[in-house]
């Protein structure tokens, strides 16, 4: 806190206003640091990716085959019980 000299009483009184000058200085320094550091973080890597070509045929995707194992050890493939032997 600062002190105010003078005034009506002629004495020293406390200044309760916030001094924002150090805050502005720190914000400007941080702004400069981020402006310098941001271009360094955007490093590009050359990748040779295949071109995106849509499939020529409109084939329906195959239905999935479900494999399940029951608590008793029974194995089912597409709703048909199979043996492990």
C-alpha atoms as a PDB file:
ATOM      1  CA  UNK A   1       0.000   0.000   0.000  1.00  0.00           C
ATOM      2  CA  UNK A   2       1.098   3.504  -0.656  1.00  0.00           C
ATOM      3  CA  UNK A   3       0.795   6.630   1.389  1.00  0.00           C
ATOM      4  CA  UNK A   4      -0.840   9.908   0.463  1.00  0.00           C
ATOM      5  CA  UNK A   5       0.851  13.079   1.544  1.00  0.00           C
ATOM      6  CA  UNK A   6      -1.061  16.272   2.055  1.00  0.00           C
ATOM      7  CA  UNK A   7      -4.808  16.533   1.991  1.00  0.00           C
ATOM      8  CA  UNK A   8      -7.151  18.472   4.263  1.00  0.00           C
ATOM      9  CA  UNK A   9      -5.654  17.380   7.565  1.00  0.00           C
ATOM     10  CA  UNK A  10      -2.067  17.866   6.400  1.00  0.00           C
ATOM     11  CA  UNK A  11      -1.062  14.463   7.754  1.00  0.00           C
ATOM     12  CA  UNK A  12      -0.194  11.134   6.178  1.00  0.00           C
ATOM     13  CA  UNK A  13      -3.111   8.859   5.309  1.00  0.00           C
ATOM     14  CA  UNK A  14      -3.244   5.409   3.786  1.00  0.00           C
ATOM     15  CA  UNK A  15      -3.920   4.969   0.062  1.00  0.00           C
ATOM     16  CA  UNK A  16      -6.353   2.094  -0.487  1.00  0.00           C
ATOM     17  CA  UNK A  17      -6.263   2.189  -4.306  1.00  0.00           C
ATOM     18  CA  UNK A  18      -4.761  -0.785  -6.107  1.00  0.00           C
ATOM     19  CA  UNK A  19      -1.521  -0.124  -7.970  1.00  0.00           C
ATOM     20  CA  UNK A  20      -2.012  -1.887 -11.316  1.00  0.00           C
ATOM     21  CA  UNK A  21       1.310  -0.880 -12.897  1.00  0.00           C
ATOM     22  CA  UNK A  22       3.216  -4.041 -11.813  1.00  0.00           C
ATOM     23  CA  UNK A  23       0.277  -6.172 -12.944  1.00  0.00           C
ATOM     24  CA  UNK A  24       0.269  -4.558 -16.395  1.00  0.00           C
ATOM     25  CA  UNK A  25       4.048  -5.004 -16.664  1.00  0.00           C
ATOM     26  CA  UNK A  26       3.810  -8.717 -15.880  1.00  0.00           C
ATOM     27  CA  UNK A  27       0.952  -9.194 -18.356  1.00  0.00           C
ATOM     28  CA  UNK A  28       2.947  -7.497 -21.130  1.00  0.00           C
ATOM     29  CA  UNK A  29       5.983  -9.697 -20.435  1.00  0.00           C
ATOM     30  CA  UNK A  30       3.800 -12.823 -20.509  1.00  0.00           C
ATOM     31  CA  UNK A  31       2.192 -11.663 -23.756  1.00  0.00           C
ATOM     32  CA  UNK A  32       5.616 -11.268 -25.373  1.00  0.00           C
ATOM     33  CA  UNK A  33       6.725 -14.694 -24.115  1.00  0.00           C
ATOM     34  CA  UNK A  34       3.638 -16.405 -25.552  1.00  0.00           C
ATOM     35  CA  UNK A  35       3.924 -14.515 -28.845  1.00  0.00           C
ATOM     36  CA  UNK A  36       7.498 -15.769 -29.232  1.00  0.00           C
ATOM     37  CA  UNK A  37       6.780 -19.326 -28.025  1.00  0.00           C
ATOM     38  CA  UNK A  38       3.575 -19.965 -30.021  1.00  0.00           C
ATOM     39  CA  UNK A  39       5.187 -20.181 -33.500  1.00  0.00           C
ATOM     40  CA  UNK A  40       7.769 -22.630 -32.138  1.00  0.00           C
ATOM     41  CA  UNK A  41       5.010 -24.991 -30.984  1.00  0.00           C
ATOM     42  CA  UNK A  42       3.589 -25.358 -34.503  1.00  0.00           C
ATOM     43  CA  UNK A  43       6.230 -27.641 -35.971  1.00  0.00           C
ATOM     44  CA  UNK A  44       4.995 -29.432 -39.067  1.00  0.00           C
ATOM     45  CA  UNK A  45       5.897 -33.013 -39.933  1.00  0.00           C
ATOM     46  CA  UNK A  46       5.762 -34.174 -43.537  1.00  0.00           C
ATOM     47  CA  UNK A  47       3.458 -37.184 -43.932  1.00  0.00           C
ATOM     48  CA  UNK A  48       2.846 -39.133 -47.114  1.00  0.00           C
ATOM     49  CA  UNK A  49      -0.776 -40.207 -46.705  1.00  0.00           C
ATOM     50  CA  UNK A  50      -2.726 -42.046 -49.383  1.00  0.00           C
ATOM     51  CA  UNK A  51      -5.430 -39.987 -51.081  1.00  0.00           C
ATOM     52  CA  UNK A  52      -8.959 -40.315 -49.791  1.00  0.00           C
ATOM     53  CA  UNK A  53     -10.800 -42.214 -52.507  1.00  0.00           C
ATOM     54  CA  UNK A  54     -14.384 -43.357 -51.934  1.00  0.00           C
ATOM     55  CA  UNK A  55     -15.158 -46.975 -52.708  1.00  0.00           C
ATOM     56  CA  UNK A  56     -16.373 -47.511 -56.272  1.00  0.00           C
ATOM     57  CA  UNK A  57     -18.960 -50.135 -55.387  1.00  0.00           C
ATOM     58  CA  UNK A  58     -21.969 -49.671 -53.187  1.00  0.00           C
ATOM     59  CA  UNK A  59     -21.645 -53.062 -51.496  1.00  0.00           C
ATOM     60  CA  UNK A  60     -23.537 -53.575 -48.300  1.00  0.00           C
ATOM     61  CA  UNK A  61     -21.233 -54.273 -45.376  1.00  0.00           C
ATOM     62  CA  UNK A  62     -21.153 -57.866 -44.219  1.00  0.00           C
ATOM     63  CA  UNK A  63     -23.209 -58.807 -41.200  1.00  0.00           C
ATOM     64  CA  UNK A  64     -21.073 -59.371 -38.108  1.00  0.00           C
ATOM     65  CA  UNK A  65     -20.571 -62.871 -36.757  1.00  0.00           C
ATOM     66  CA  UNK A  66     -21.122 -63.039 -33.019  1.00  0.00           C
ATOM     67  CA  UNK A  67     -19.067 -65.457 -30.931  1.00  0.00           C
ATOM     68  CA  UNK A  68     -20.178 -66.037 -27.350  1.00  0.00           C
ATOM     69  CA  UNK A  69     -19.064 -68.295 -24.528  1.00  0.00           C
ATOM     70  CA  UNK A  70     -21.662 -69.241 -21.916  1.00  0.00           C
ATOM     71  CA  UNK A  71     -21.024 -69.753 -18.203  1.00  0.00           C
ATOM     72  CA  UNK A  72     -21.063 -73.538 -18.624  1.00  0.00           C
ATOM     73  CA  UNK A  73     -18.291 -73.387 -21.250  1.00  0.00           C
ATOM     74  CA  UNK A  74     -20.582 -73.786 -24.277  1.00  0.00           C
ATOM     75  CA  UNK A  75     -19.323 -71.994 -27.391  1.00  0.00           C
ATOM     76  CA  UNK A  76     -21.826 -70.393 -29.775  1.00  0.00           C
ATOM     77  CA  UNK A  77     -20.963 -69.010 -33.214  1.00  0.00           C
ATOM     78  CA  UNK A  78     -23.841 -67.190 -34.882  1.00  0.00           C
ATOM     79  CA  UNK A  79     -26.507 -68.853 -32.689  1.00  0.00           C
ATOM     80  CA  UNK A  80     -25.143 -72.373 -33.379  1.00  0.00           C
ATOM     81  CA  UNK A  81     -23.561 -74.423 -30.648  1.00  0.00           C
ATOM     82  CA  UNK A  82     -20.128 -75.758 -31.561  1.00  0.00           C
ATOM     83  CA  UNK A  83     -17.679 -78.051 -29.824  1.00  0.00           C
ATOM     84  CA  UNK A  84     -14.079 -77.169 -29.007  1.00  0.00           C
ATOM     85  CA  UNK A  85     -12.744 -80.617 -29.954  1.00  0.00           C
END
